[in-house]
N, C-alpha and C. Protein backbone atom coordinates (compact mmCIF):
# COMPACT_ATOMS: atom_id res chain seq x y z
N MET A 1 35.92 -3.96 3.60
CA MET A 1 34.60 -4.56 3.43
C MET A 1 33.56 -3.52 3.78
N GLY A 2 32.68 -3.20 2.85
CA GLY A 2 31.67 -2.21 3.12
C GLY A 2 30.37 -2.90 3.49
N THR A 3 29.86 -2.59 4.66
CA THR A 3 28.62 -3.22 5.10
C THR A 3 27.45 -2.34 4.75
N ARG A 4 26.43 -2.92 4.16
CA ARG A 4 25.25 -2.20 3.76
C ARG A 4 24.26 -2.24 4.91
N THR A 5 24.02 -1.12 5.55
CA THR A 5 23.23 -1.11 6.77
C THR A 5 21.88 -0.47 6.55
N LEU A 6 20.88 -1.02 7.16
CA LEU A 6 19.54 -0.46 7.08
C LEU A 6 19.06 -0.11 8.47
N GLY A 7 18.74 1.16 8.69
CA GLY A 7 18.26 1.55 9.99
C GLY A 7 16.76 1.47 10.01
N LEU A 8 16.23 0.40 10.51
CA LEU A 8 14.80 0.30 10.55
C LEU A 8 14.28 -0.71 11.50
N LEU A 9 13.65 -1.54 11.23
CA LEU A 9 12.72 -2.25 12.02
C LEU A 9 13.14 -3.09 13.18
N ALA A 10 12.17 -3.48 13.87
CA ALA A 10 12.43 -4.23 15.04
C ALA A 10 11.93 -5.59 14.94
N ALA A 11 11.07 -6.00 14.35
CA ALA A 11 10.67 -7.36 14.50
C ALA A 11 10.91 -8.17 13.31
N GLY A 12 11.94 -8.34 12.84
CA GLY A 12 12.16 -9.20 11.73
C GLY A 12 12.51 -8.42 10.54
N ALA A 13 12.63 -7.21 10.66
CA ALA A 13 13.01 -6.50 9.48
C ALA A 13 14.48 -6.40 9.46
N VAL A 14 15.17 -7.16 10.23
CA VAL A 14 16.60 -6.99 10.20
C VAL A 14 17.03 -7.31 8.79
N THR A 15 17.67 -6.38 8.18
CA THR A 15 18.02 -6.51 6.78
C THR A 15 19.42 -7.06 6.62
N LEU A 16 19.64 -7.71 5.51
CA LEU A 16 20.92 -8.34 5.28
C LEU A 16 21.97 -7.34 4.88
N ALA A 17 23.13 -7.56 5.40
CA ALA A 17 24.22 -6.71 5.00
C ALA A 17 24.75 -7.20 3.67
N GLY A 18 25.04 -6.30 2.77
CA GLY A 18 25.62 -6.68 1.50
C GLY A 18 27.10 -6.36 1.55
N CYS A 19 27.92 -7.37 1.50
CA CYS A 19 29.35 -7.16 1.63
C CYS A 19 30.03 -7.67 0.38
N THR A 20 30.72 -6.80 -0.31
CA THR A 20 31.39 -7.22 -1.54
C THR A 20 32.89 -7.03 -1.41
N GLY A 21 33.61 -7.80 -2.16
CA GLY A 21 35.06 -7.67 -2.17
C GLY A 21 35.69 -8.37 -0.99
N GLY A 22 37.01 -8.38 -0.97
CA GLY A 22 37.73 -8.92 0.16
C GLY A 22 37.81 -10.43 0.16
N GLY A 23 37.86 -11.05 -1.01
CA GLY A 23 38.02 -12.49 -1.03
C GLY A 23 36.99 -13.17 -1.89
N GLU A 24 37.15 -14.46 -2.06
CA GLU A 24 36.25 -15.21 -2.91
C GLU A 24 34.86 -15.34 -2.30
N ASP A 25 34.81 -15.50 -0.98
CA ASP A 25 33.53 -15.72 -0.32
C ASP A 25 33.48 -14.96 0.99
N PRO A 26 33.40 -13.64 0.92
CA PRO A 26 33.39 -12.84 2.15
C PRO A 26 32.17 -13.17 2.99
N GLU A 27 32.36 -13.13 4.30
CA GLU A 27 31.24 -13.42 5.19
C GLU A 27 30.91 -12.17 5.97
N THR A 28 29.62 -11.90 6.09
CA THR A 28 29.18 -10.73 6.81
C THR A 28 28.02 -11.12 7.70
N THR A 29 27.38 -10.15 8.31
CA THR A 29 26.26 -10.43 9.20
C THR A 29 25.05 -9.65 8.76
N SER A 30 23.93 -9.98 9.36
CA SER A 30 22.74 -9.20 9.10
C SER A 30 22.95 -7.78 9.59
N THR A 31 22.36 -6.83 8.91
CA THR A 31 22.51 -5.45 9.34
C THR A 31 21.66 -5.20 10.56
N SER A 32 22.09 -4.24 11.36
CA SER A 32 21.33 -3.93 12.56
C SER A 32 20.12 -3.08 12.22
N ILE A 33 19.13 -3.16 13.06
CA ILE A 33 17.93 -2.38 12.87
C ILE A 33 17.86 -1.33 13.95
N ALA A 34 17.72 -0.12 13.59
CA ALA A 34 17.70 0.95 14.58
C ALA A 34 16.28 1.15 15.11
N THR A 35 16.20 1.66 16.33
CA THR A 35 14.90 1.98 16.90
C THR A 35 14.28 3.11 16.11
N PRO A 36 12.98 3.05 15.84
CA PRO A 36 12.33 4.12 15.08
C PRO A 36 12.58 5.48 15.72
N THR A 37 12.85 6.48 14.89
CA THR A 37 13.16 7.80 15.40
C THR A 37 11.95 8.70 15.45
N SER A 38 10.85 8.29 14.87
CA SER A 38 9.65 9.11 14.92
C SER A 38 8.45 8.22 15.16
N ALA A 39 7.47 8.78 15.84
CA ALA A 39 6.27 8.00 16.15
C ALA A 39 5.51 7.73 14.88
N SER A 40 4.96 6.55 14.80
CA SER A 40 4.19 6.21 13.63
C SER A 40 2.71 6.31 13.93
N SER A 41 1.95 6.59 12.92
CA SER A 41 0.53 6.82 13.10
C SER A 41 -0.28 5.58 12.75
N PRO A 42 -1.14 5.13 13.66
CA PRO A 42 -1.95 3.94 13.39
C PRO A 42 -3.15 4.29 12.54
N SER A 43 -2.92 4.83 11.39
CA SER A 43 -4.02 5.28 10.57
C SER A 43 -4.32 4.30 9.47
N THR A 44 -4.48 4.81 8.27
CA THR A 44 -4.90 3.95 7.18
C THR A 44 -3.75 3.12 6.66
N PRO A 45 -4.03 1.91 6.17
CA PRO A 45 -2.98 1.06 5.63
C PRO A 45 -2.44 1.66 4.36
N SER A 46 -1.16 1.42 4.11
CA SER A 46 -0.56 1.94 2.89
C SER A 46 -1.08 1.18 1.70
N THR A 47 -1.01 1.80 0.55
CA THR A 47 -1.51 1.17 -0.66
C THR A 47 -0.40 0.98 -1.64
N THR A 48 -0.63 0.13 -2.61
CA THR A 48 0.38 -0.11 -3.63
C THR A 48 -0.28 -0.18 -4.98
N SER A 49 0.43 0.27 -5.99
CA SER A 49 -0.13 0.27 -7.33
C SER A 49 0.44 -0.85 -8.17
N SER A 50 1.30 -1.64 -7.58
CA SER A 50 1.94 -2.70 -8.37
C SER A 50 0.99 -3.87 -8.53
N SER A 51 1.10 -4.55 -9.65
CA SER A 51 0.30 -5.75 -9.88
C SER A 51 1.18 -6.96 -9.73
N ARG A 52 0.57 -8.10 -9.38
CA ARG A 52 1.34 -9.29 -9.12
C ARG A 52 0.88 -10.42 -10.00
N ALA A 53 1.83 -11.25 -10.36
CA ALA A 53 1.48 -12.44 -11.14
C ALA A 53 0.93 -13.50 -10.20
N SER A 54 0.11 -14.37 -10.75
CA SER A 54 -0.43 -15.47 -9.96
C SER A 54 0.68 -16.45 -9.63
N THR A 55 0.57 -17.06 -8.46
CA THR A 55 1.60 -18.01 -8.07
C THR A 55 1.50 -19.28 -8.92
N THR A 56 2.64 -19.77 -9.29
CA THR A 56 2.66 -20.99 -10.09
C THR A 56 3.39 -22.12 -9.38
N SER A 57 4.00 -21.78 -8.25
CA SER A 57 4.69 -22.79 -7.47
C SER A 57 4.61 -22.40 -6.02
N SER A 58 4.97 -23.31 -5.14
CA SER A 58 4.90 -23.05 -3.71
C SER A 58 6.26 -22.80 -3.12
N GLY A 59 7.19 -22.39 -3.94
CA GLY A 59 8.53 -22.10 -3.43
C GLY A 59 9.58 -22.73 -4.30
N GLY A 60 10.84 -22.48 -3.96
CA GLY A 60 11.94 -23.09 -4.67
C GLY A 60 12.33 -22.37 -5.93
N ALA A 61 11.71 -21.21 -6.18
CA ALA A 61 12.08 -20.46 -7.37
C ALA A 61 13.42 -19.79 -7.16
N THR A 62 14.04 -19.40 -8.25
CA THR A 62 15.34 -18.75 -8.14
C THR A 62 15.17 -17.36 -7.57
N PRO A 63 16.10 -16.90 -6.71
CA PRO A 63 15.98 -15.59 -6.07
C PRO A 63 15.89 -14.44 -7.06
N SER A 64 16.47 -14.57 -8.24
CA SER A 64 16.50 -13.47 -9.18
C SER A 64 15.20 -13.32 -9.95
N SER A 65 14.35 -14.33 -9.98
CA SER A 65 13.14 -14.24 -10.78
C SER A 65 11.97 -14.96 -10.14
N SER A 66 11.90 -14.95 -8.81
CA SER A 66 10.87 -15.73 -8.13
C SER A 66 9.67 -14.88 -7.76
N THR A 67 9.26 -13.97 -8.65
CA THR A 67 8.12 -13.13 -8.35
C THR A 67 6.83 -13.93 -8.26
N ASP A 68 6.80 -15.13 -8.84
CA ASP A 68 5.60 -15.95 -8.74
C ASP A 68 5.34 -16.38 -7.31
N ASP A 69 6.34 -16.29 -6.44
CA ASP A 69 6.18 -16.66 -5.05
C ASP A 69 5.57 -15.53 -4.23
N ALA A 70 5.47 -14.33 -4.78
CA ALA A 70 4.98 -13.17 -4.03
C ALA A 70 3.53 -13.35 -3.60
N ALA A 71 2.75 -14.07 -4.37
CA ALA A 71 1.33 -14.25 -4.05
C ALA A 71 1.15 -14.91 -2.68
N ARG A 72 2.12 -15.69 -2.26
CA ARG A 72 2.04 -16.35 -0.96
C ARG A 72 2.01 -15.35 0.18
N TRP A 73 2.57 -14.16 -0.05
CA TRP A 73 2.76 -13.19 1.02
C TRP A 73 1.86 -11.96 0.91
N THR A 74 0.90 -11.98 0.03
CA THR A 74 0.05 -10.80 -0.15
C THR A 74 -1.11 -10.74 0.83
N SER A 75 -1.53 -11.88 1.36
CA SER A 75 -2.63 -11.91 2.32
C SER A 75 -2.28 -12.82 3.48
N PRO A 76 -2.52 -12.38 4.71
CA PRO A 76 -2.19 -13.21 5.87
C PRO A 76 -3.07 -14.45 5.93
N PRO A 77 -2.58 -15.51 6.54
CA PRO A 77 -3.41 -16.71 6.72
C PRO A 77 -4.58 -16.41 7.64
N LYS A 78 -5.61 -17.21 7.56
CA LYS A 78 -6.83 -16.97 8.32
C LYS A 78 -6.56 -16.83 9.81
N ALA A 79 -5.65 -17.63 10.34
CA ALA A 79 -5.35 -17.58 11.77
C ALA A 79 -4.78 -16.24 12.20
N ALA A 80 -4.23 -15.48 11.25
CA ALA A 80 -3.60 -14.20 11.56
C ALA A 80 -4.53 -13.02 11.33
N THR A 81 -5.80 -13.28 11.07
CA THR A 81 -6.75 -12.21 10.82
C THR A 81 -7.76 -12.01 11.96
N ALA A 82 -7.85 -12.97 12.86
CA ALA A 82 -8.83 -12.91 13.94
C ALA A 82 -8.55 -11.74 14.88
N ASN A 83 -9.59 -11.08 15.32
CA ASN A 83 -9.45 -9.95 16.24
C ASN A 83 -9.37 -10.45 17.68
N THR A 84 -8.31 -11.23 17.91
CA THR A 84 -8.07 -11.83 19.21
C THR A 84 -6.58 -11.73 19.53
N ARG A 85 -6.25 -12.03 20.75
CA ARG A 85 -4.83 -12.04 21.15
C ARG A 85 -4.04 -13.03 20.32
N GLN A 86 -4.61 -14.22 20.12
CA GLN A 86 -3.94 -15.24 19.33
C GLN A 86 -3.81 -14.81 17.88
N GLY A 87 -4.86 -14.18 17.35
CA GLY A 87 -4.81 -13.72 15.97
C GLY A 87 -3.73 -12.68 15.76
N ALA A 88 -3.61 -11.75 16.71
CA ALA A 88 -2.57 -10.71 16.62
C ALA A 88 -1.18 -11.33 16.70
N GLN A 89 -1.02 -12.32 17.56
CA GLN A 89 0.28 -12.99 17.69
C GLN A 89 0.66 -13.71 16.41
N GLU A 90 -0.33 -14.38 15.79
CA GLU A 90 -0.06 -15.06 14.53
C GLU A 90 0.29 -14.06 13.43
N PHE A 91 -0.35 -12.91 13.44
CA PHE A 91 -0.03 -11.89 12.44
C PHE A 91 1.39 -11.37 12.63
N ALA A 92 1.79 -11.15 13.88
CA ALA A 92 3.15 -10.67 14.15
C ALA A 92 4.19 -11.64 13.62
N LYS A 93 3.95 -12.92 13.81
CA LYS A 93 4.86 -13.95 13.29
C LYS A 93 4.89 -13.91 11.77
N TRP A 94 3.72 -13.82 11.18
CA TRP A 94 3.62 -13.82 9.72
C TRP A 94 4.27 -12.57 9.12
N TYR A 95 4.06 -11.41 9.74
CA TYR A 95 4.66 -10.17 9.23
C TYR A 95 6.18 -10.26 9.23
N THR A 96 6.72 -10.87 10.26
CA THR A 96 8.17 -11.06 10.33
C THR A 96 8.66 -11.85 9.11
N GLN A 97 7.95 -12.91 8.79
CA GLN A 97 8.32 -13.70 7.62
C GLN A 97 8.16 -12.89 6.32
N VAL A 98 7.15 -12.03 6.28
CA VAL A 98 6.93 -11.20 5.09
C VAL A 98 8.13 -10.27 4.84
N THR A 99 8.70 -9.72 5.90
CA THR A 99 9.83 -8.81 5.72
C THR A 99 11.02 -9.52 5.08
N GLY A 100 11.20 -10.79 5.45
CA GLY A 100 12.27 -11.57 4.83
C GLY A 100 11.94 -11.91 3.38
N ALA A 101 10.68 -12.25 3.13
CA ALA A 101 10.27 -12.57 1.76
C ALA A 101 10.43 -11.36 0.85
N ALA A 102 10.14 -10.19 1.38
CA ALA A 102 10.27 -8.96 0.58
C ALA A 102 11.71 -8.73 0.15
N GLN A 103 12.65 -9.04 1.03
CA GLN A 103 14.06 -8.88 0.68
C GLN A 103 14.50 -9.94 -0.34
N HIS A 104 14.05 -11.16 -0.11
CA HIS A 104 14.39 -12.26 -1.02
C HIS A 104 13.83 -12.01 -2.42
N LEU A 105 12.61 -11.50 -2.47
CA LEU A 105 11.95 -11.25 -3.76
C LEU A 105 12.16 -9.84 -4.28
N MET A 106 12.82 -9.00 -3.47
CA MET A 106 13.07 -7.59 -3.83
C MET A 106 11.76 -6.87 -4.15
N ASP A 107 10.79 -7.05 -3.27
CA ASP A 107 9.44 -6.53 -3.47
C ASP A 107 8.95 -5.86 -2.20
N GLY A 108 9.24 -4.57 -2.06
CA GLY A 108 8.86 -3.84 -0.85
C GLY A 108 7.36 -3.68 -0.67
N ASP A 109 6.59 -3.83 -1.74
CA ASP A 109 5.14 -3.69 -1.62
C ASP A 109 4.54 -4.77 -0.72
N LEU A 110 5.20 -5.90 -0.60
CA LEU A 110 4.71 -6.93 0.31
C LEU A 110 4.64 -6.40 1.74
N ILE A 111 5.60 -5.58 2.12
CA ILE A 111 5.63 -4.96 3.45
C ILE A 111 4.61 -3.84 3.54
N ARG A 112 4.57 -3.01 2.51
CA ARG A 112 3.65 -1.86 2.54
C ARG A 112 2.20 -2.29 2.69
N GLU A 113 1.85 -3.40 2.09
CA GLU A 113 0.47 -3.87 2.13
C GLU A 113 0.03 -4.30 3.53
N GLN A 114 0.98 -4.59 4.41
CA GLN A 114 0.66 -5.06 5.75
C GLN A 114 0.99 -4.03 6.82
N SER A 115 1.32 -2.81 6.42
CA SER A 115 1.73 -1.77 7.35
C SER A 115 0.82 -0.55 7.22
N THR A 116 0.79 0.27 8.25
CA THR A 116 0.04 1.51 8.15
C THR A 116 0.85 2.51 7.34
N SER A 117 0.15 3.47 6.77
CA SER A 117 0.85 4.48 5.95
C SER A 117 1.77 5.34 6.79
N GLY A 118 1.53 5.40 8.11
CA GLY A 118 2.37 6.22 8.97
C GLY A 118 3.57 5.50 9.56
N CYS A 119 3.77 4.25 9.22
CA CYS A 119 4.89 3.50 9.79
C CYS A 119 6.17 3.83 9.02
N VAL A 120 6.95 4.73 9.55
CA VAL A 120 8.15 5.21 8.87
C VAL A 120 9.16 4.09 8.66
N LYS A 121 9.38 3.31 9.69
CA LYS A 121 10.39 2.25 9.59
C LYS A 121 9.93 1.11 8.69
N CYS A 122 8.62 0.89 8.64
CA CYS A 122 8.12 -0.12 7.71
C CYS A 122 8.46 0.29 6.28
N GLU A 123 8.30 1.58 5.99
CA GLU A 123 8.62 2.07 4.65
C GLU A 123 10.12 1.98 4.39
N ASP A 124 10.93 2.24 5.42
CA ASP A 124 12.38 2.09 5.27
C ASP A 124 12.73 0.66 4.86
N ILE A 125 12.10 -0.29 5.50
CA ILE A 125 12.37 -1.70 5.21
C ILE A 125 11.93 -2.03 3.79
N ALA A 126 10.76 -1.52 3.43
CA ALA A 126 10.24 -1.78 2.09
C ALA A 126 11.16 -1.19 1.02
N THR A 127 11.63 0.03 1.26
CA THR A 127 12.53 0.68 0.31
C THR A 127 13.83 -0.10 0.19
N PHE A 128 14.32 -0.62 1.30
CA PHE A 128 15.54 -1.41 1.27
C PHE A 128 15.35 -2.68 0.46
N ALA A 129 14.20 -3.31 0.64
CA ALA A 129 13.90 -4.53 -0.14
C ALA A 129 13.91 -4.22 -1.63
N ASP A 130 13.29 -3.11 -2.01
CA ASP A 130 13.27 -2.71 -3.42
C ASP A 130 14.68 -2.46 -3.95
N SER A 131 15.54 -1.93 -3.07
CA SER A 131 16.89 -1.55 -3.52
C SER A 131 17.78 -2.74 -3.81
N GLY A 132 17.32 -3.95 -3.52
CA GLY A 132 18.12 -5.13 -3.82
C GLY A 132 18.28 -5.37 -5.31
N ARG A 133 17.38 -4.82 -6.10
CA ARG A 133 17.48 -4.99 -7.55
C ARG A 133 18.73 -4.28 -8.05
N GLY A 134 19.57 -5.02 -8.75
CA GLY A 134 20.79 -4.44 -9.28
C GLY A 134 21.92 -4.39 -8.28
N VAL A 135 21.69 -4.84 -7.07
CA VAL A 135 22.76 -4.82 -6.05
C VAL A 135 22.93 -6.24 -5.52
N GLN A 136 22.33 -6.53 -4.38
CA GLN A 136 22.42 -7.87 -3.79
C GLN A 136 21.12 -8.19 -3.08
N HIS A 137 20.78 -9.44 -3.05
CA HIS A 137 19.59 -9.86 -2.32
C HIS A 137 19.83 -11.26 -1.75
N PRO A 138 19.16 -11.59 -0.64
CA PRO A 138 19.38 -12.90 -0.02
C PRO A 138 18.88 -14.04 -0.89
N SER A 139 19.59 -15.14 -0.82
CA SER A 139 19.26 -16.31 -1.63
C SER A 139 18.02 -17.03 -1.12
N ILE A 140 17.61 -16.74 0.11
CA ILE A 140 16.44 -17.36 0.73
C ILE A 140 15.66 -16.28 1.47
N ASN A 141 14.51 -16.65 2.01
CA ASN A 141 13.82 -15.79 2.96
C ASN A 141 14.54 -15.97 4.30
N PRO A 142 15.31 -14.97 4.74
CA PRO A 142 16.13 -15.17 5.95
C PRO A 142 15.34 -15.16 7.25
N TYR A 143 14.06 -14.74 7.22
CA TYR A 143 13.29 -14.62 8.46
C TYR A 143 12.13 -15.62 8.54
N GLU A 144 12.22 -16.68 7.77
CA GLU A 144 11.10 -17.62 7.75
C GLU A 144 11.05 -18.50 8.99
N ASP A 145 12.18 -18.70 9.64
CA ASP A 145 12.23 -19.59 10.80
C ASP A 145 11.93 -18.82 12.09
N VAL A 146 10.65 -18.67 12.39
CA VAL A 146 10.21 -18.01 13.61
C VAL A 146 10.28 -19.01 14.76
N THR A 147 11.01 -18.67 15.81
CA THR A 147 11.18 -19.61 16.92
C THR A 147 10.28 -19.31 18.11
N ASN A 148 9.82 -18.06 18.22
CA ASN A 148 8.97 -17.71 19.36
C ASN A 148 8.32 -16.36 19.10
N ALA A 149 7.16 -16.16 19.69
CA ALA A 149 6.49 -14.86 19.64
C ALA A 149 5.78 -14.66 20.98
N LYS A 150 5.97 -13.49 21.56
CA LYS A 150 5.34 -13.24 22.86
C LYS A 150 4.76 -11.83 22.91
N VAL A 151 3.74 -11.68 23.73
CA VAL A 151 3.08 -10.39 23.90
C VAL A 151 3.88 -9.56 24.90
N LEU A 152 4.30 -8.38 24.50
CA LEU A 152 4.96 -7.45 25.41
C LEU A 152 3.95 -6.53 26.07
N LYS A 153 2.89 -6.22 25.34
CA LYS A 153 1.83 -5.36 25.87
C LYS A 153 0.55 -5.65 25.10
N TRP A 154 -0.54 -5.78 25.83
CA TRP A 154 -1.81 -6.04 25.18
C TRP A 154 -2.76 -4.86 25.42
N GLY A 155 -3.58 -4.56 24.42
CA GLY A 155 -4.51 -3.45 24.52
C GLY A 155 -4.96 -3.05 23.12
N THR A 156 -5.31 -1.78 22.95
CA THR A 156 -5.76 -1.32 21.64
C THR A 156 -4.62 -1.28 20.63
N ARG A 157 -3.38 -1.19 21.09
CA ARG A 157 -2.21 -1.20 20.21
C ARG A 157 -1.23 -2.24 20.76
N PRO A 158 -1.50 -3.50 20.58
CA PRO A 158 -0.67 -4.56 21.16
C PRO A 158 0.75 -4.57 20.59
N THR A 159 1.68 -4.94 21.45
CA THR A 159 3.09 -4.99 21.07
C THR A 159 3.62 -6.40 21.26
N PHE A 160 4.35 -6.88 20.27
CA PHE A 160 4.88 -8.24 20.29
C PHE A 160 6.38 -8.24 20.05
N GLN A 161 7.03 -9.28 20.55
CA GLN A 161 8.42 -9.57 20.17
C GLN A 161 8.42 -10.92 19.47
N VAL A 162 9.02 -10.94 18.30
CA VAL A 162 9.12 -12.18 17.52
C VAL A 162 10.59 -12.55 17.40
N ASP A 163 10.93 -13.76 17.79
CA ASP A 163 12.31 -14.25 17.69
C ASP A 163 12.46 -15.10 16.43
N ILE A 164 13.58 -14.93 15.77
CA ILE A 164 13.84 -15.68 14.55
C ILE A 164 15.25 -16.26 14.56
N SER A 165 15.41 -17.33 13.82
CA SER A 165 16.71 -17.96 13.64
C SER A 165 17.10 -17.78 12.17
N ILE A 166 18.11 -16.98 11.93
CA ILE A 166 18.54 -16.67 10.57
C ILE A 166 19.63 -17.67 10.17
N PRO A 167 19.39 -18.48 9.17
CA PRO A 167 20.40 -19.47 8.77
C PRO A 167 21.52 -18.83 7.95
N ARG A 168 22.62 -19.52 7.88
CA ARG A 168 23.71 -19.08 7.00
C ARG A 168 23.22 -19.16 5.55
N HIS A 169 23.43 -18.09 4.81
CA HIS A 169 22.96 -18.06 3.43
C HIS A 169 23.82 -17.12 2.61
N HIS A 170 23.46 -16.96 1.36
CA HIS A 170 24.27 -16.15 0.45
C HIS A 170 23.54 -14.90 0.00
N LEU A 171 24.31 -13.92 -0.44
CA LEU A 171 23.78 -12.75 -1.11
C LEU A 171 24.10 -12.91 -2.59
N LEU A 172 23.10 -12.72 -3.42
CA LEU A 172 23.23 -12.93 -4.86
C LEU A 172 23.07 -11.64 -5.62
N ASN A 173 23.69 -11.57 -6.80
CA ASN A 173 23.45 -10.45 -7.69
C ASN A 173 22.29 -10.80 -8.62
N ASP A 174 21.98 -9.91 -9.55
CA ASP A 174 20.82 -10.12 -10.42
C ASP A 174 20.99 -11.33 -11.34
N GLN A 175 22.22 -11.78 -11.53
CA GLN A 175 22.47 -12.96 -12.36
C GLN A 175 22.41 -14.24 -11.55
N GLY A 176 22.10 -14.11 -10.25
CA GLY A 176 22.04 -15.29 -9.40
C GLY A 176 23.39 -15.78 -8.93
N GLU A 177 24.43 -14.96 -9.10
CA GLU A 177 25.77 -15.34 -8.69
C GLU A 177 26.01 -14.94 -7.24
N LYS A 178 26.68 -15.81 -6.49
CA LYS A 178 26.96 -15.55 -5.09
C LYS A 178 28.03 -14.47 -4.95
N GLU A 179 27.75 -13.45 -4.14
CA GLU A 179 28.71 -12.38 -3.92
C GLU A 179 29.20 -12.30 -2.48
N ALA A 180 28.44 -12.85 -1.56
CA ALA A 180 28.84 -12.81 -0.16
C ALA A 180 28.08 -13.89 0.60
N THR A 181 28.55 -14.18 1.79
CA THR A 181 27.89 -15.14 2.67
C THR A 181 27.49 -14.45 3.95
N VAL A 182 26.28 -14.69 4.39
CA VAL A 182 25.78 -14.13 5.64
C VAL A 182 25.79 -15.22 6.70
N ARG A 183 26.45 -14.96 7.81
CA ARG A 183 26.56 -15.97 8.85
C ARG A 183 25.23 -16.15 9.59
N ALA A 184 25.09 -17.28 10.23
CA ALA A 184 23.87 -17.58 10.98
C ALA A 184 23.77 -16.69 12.20
N GLU A 185 22.57 -16.25 12.49
CA GLU A 185 22.32 -15.39 13.64
C GLU A 185 20.97 -15.68 14.25
N LYS A 186 20.81 -15.19 15.46
CA LYS A 186 19.50 -15.14 16.10
C LYS A 186 19.12 -13.67 16.23
N ALA A 187 17.86 -13.37 16.10
CA ALA A 187 17.42 -11.99 16.21
C ALA A 187 16.01 -11.93 16.77
N GLY A 188 15.68 -10.79 17.31
CA GLY A 188 14.33 -10.57 17.81
C GLY A 188 13.83 -9.22 17.33
N ILE A 189 12.58 -9.17 16.93
CA ILE A 189 12.00 -7.93 16.44
C ILE A 189 10.76 -7.60 17.26
N ALA A 190 10.62 -6.32 17.61
CA ALA A 190 9.43 -5.88 18.34
C ALA A 190 8.57 -5.05 17.40
N MET A 191 7.27 -5.23 17.48
CA MET A 191 6.38 -4.47 16.60
C MET A 191 5.09 -4.14 17.32
N ARG A 192 4.52 -3.02 16.93
CA ARG A 192 3.22 -2.60 17.46
C ARG A 192 2.18 -2.76 16.37
N LEU A 193 1.04 -3.31 16.74
CA LEU A 193 -0.02 -3.55 15.78
C LEU A 193 -1.22 -2.64 16.04
N VAL A 194 -2.01 -2.41 15.00
CA VAL A 194 -3.29 -1.73 15.13
C VAL A 194 -4.31 -2.52 14.31
N ARG A 195 -5.55 -2.36 14.67
CA ARG A 195 -6.63 -3.00 13.94
C ARG A 195 -7.19 -1.99 12.94
N SER A 196 -7.21 -2.35 11.67
CA SER A 196 -7.68 -1.43 10.63
C SER A 196 -8.44 -2.22 9.57
N SER A 197 -9.69 -1.81 9.32
CA SER A 197 -10.52 -2.47 8.30
C SER A 197 -10.61 -3.98 8.53
N ASP A 198 -10.79 -4.35 9.80
CA ASP A 198 -10.98 -5.75 10.19
C ASP A 198 -9.75 -6.63 9.96
N VAL A 199 -8.58 -6.02 9.84
CA VAL A 199 -7.34 -6.79 9.74
C VAL A 199 -6.29 -6.11 10.62
N TRP A 200 -5.23 -6.83 10.90
CA TRP A 200 -4.11 -6.28 11.65
C TRP A 200 -3.15 -5.58 10.70
N ARG A 201 -2.53 -4.50 11.18
CA ARG A 201 -1.47 -3.82 10.45
C ARG A 201 -0.36 -3.48 11.44
N VAL A 202 0.85 -3.36 10.92
CA VAL A 202 1.99 -2.95 11.75
C VAL A 202 2.12 -1.44 11.68
N SER A 203 2.19 -0.79 12.83
CA SER A 203 2.32 0.66 12.87
C SER A 203 3.71 1.12 13.32
N GLU A 204 4.50 0.17 13.87
CA GLU A 204 5.84 0.54 14.33
C GLU A 204 6.66 -0.73 14.52
N VAL A 205 7.95 -0.68 14.17
CA VAL A 205 8.83 -1.83 14.36
C VAL A 205 10.19 -1.36 14.87
N THR A 206 10.87 -2.22 15.58
CA THR A 206 12.21 -1.91 16.06
C THR A 206 12.94 -3.19 16.42
N LEU A 207 14.27 -3.16 16.38
CA LEU A 207 15.05 -4.36 16.70
C LEU A 207 15.06 -4.60 18.19
N ALA A 208 14.74 -5.80 18.60
CA ALA A 208 14.78 -6.15 20.01
C ALA A 208 16.18 -6.63 20.41
N TYR A 209 16.78 -7.49 19.60
CA TYR A 209 18.13 -7.94 19.85
C TYR A 209 18.65 -8.67 18.62
N ARG A 210 19.95 -8.87 18.58
CA ARG A 210 20.58 -9.65 17.53
C ARG A 210 21.85 -10.26 18.09
N GLU A 211 22.10 -11.52 17.80
CA GLU A 211 23.31 -12.16 18.29
C GLU A 211 23.76 -13.24 17.31
N ASN A 212 25.07 -13.39 17.19
CA ASN A 212 25.63 -14.44 16.35
C ASN A 212 25.45 -15.78 17.01
N LYS A 213 25.19 -16.78 16.21
CA LYS A 213 25.12 -18.13 16.76
C LYS A 213 26.53 -18.61 17.05
N SER A 214 26.72 -19.30 18.14
CA SER A 214 28.05 -19.80 18.49
C SER A 214 28.32 -21.11 17.78
């Protein structure tokens, strides 16, 4: 069984392992996220040249063609934009969900739009999300269930830990066929935020913890 591992983020960017072969319904776990190996720069937000279709539904689209759902994740909710402790906490929770949506939709630009251009691990996560095309991608947004968010450090570059509950789900190919099953897990992601152009951006992410549900 070959596990597809992504060395990157800490707060919800835990990426799904793609496991093929070894039975009708092989089960694997989320891939581990490595601590960032280089400091990230809290500079300008990254940009994207991709265009997006307008949303036509509020969810429930098929994983292989649900790009209409991407509009939901292009701009943070109002509560996550305030230049306050609560606003930063809400953004950290929302960003965690965005990383899962990017994998589900195979759209790394969703992550890039909410990260600084110097966030190396953010780009790693985004690249991994893009790489799901033609390989495997999660059948759902695996990081949508945020269970807790807490401030680890407050200041000009606040740091948060976001805990998530990852449900058991499947990995699909481009035809929407199930290729593997991902077991349920709990995970925590840590991220550092910066304020840029009156919005929050992620400048660094790393895995806080990961554990299988009993």
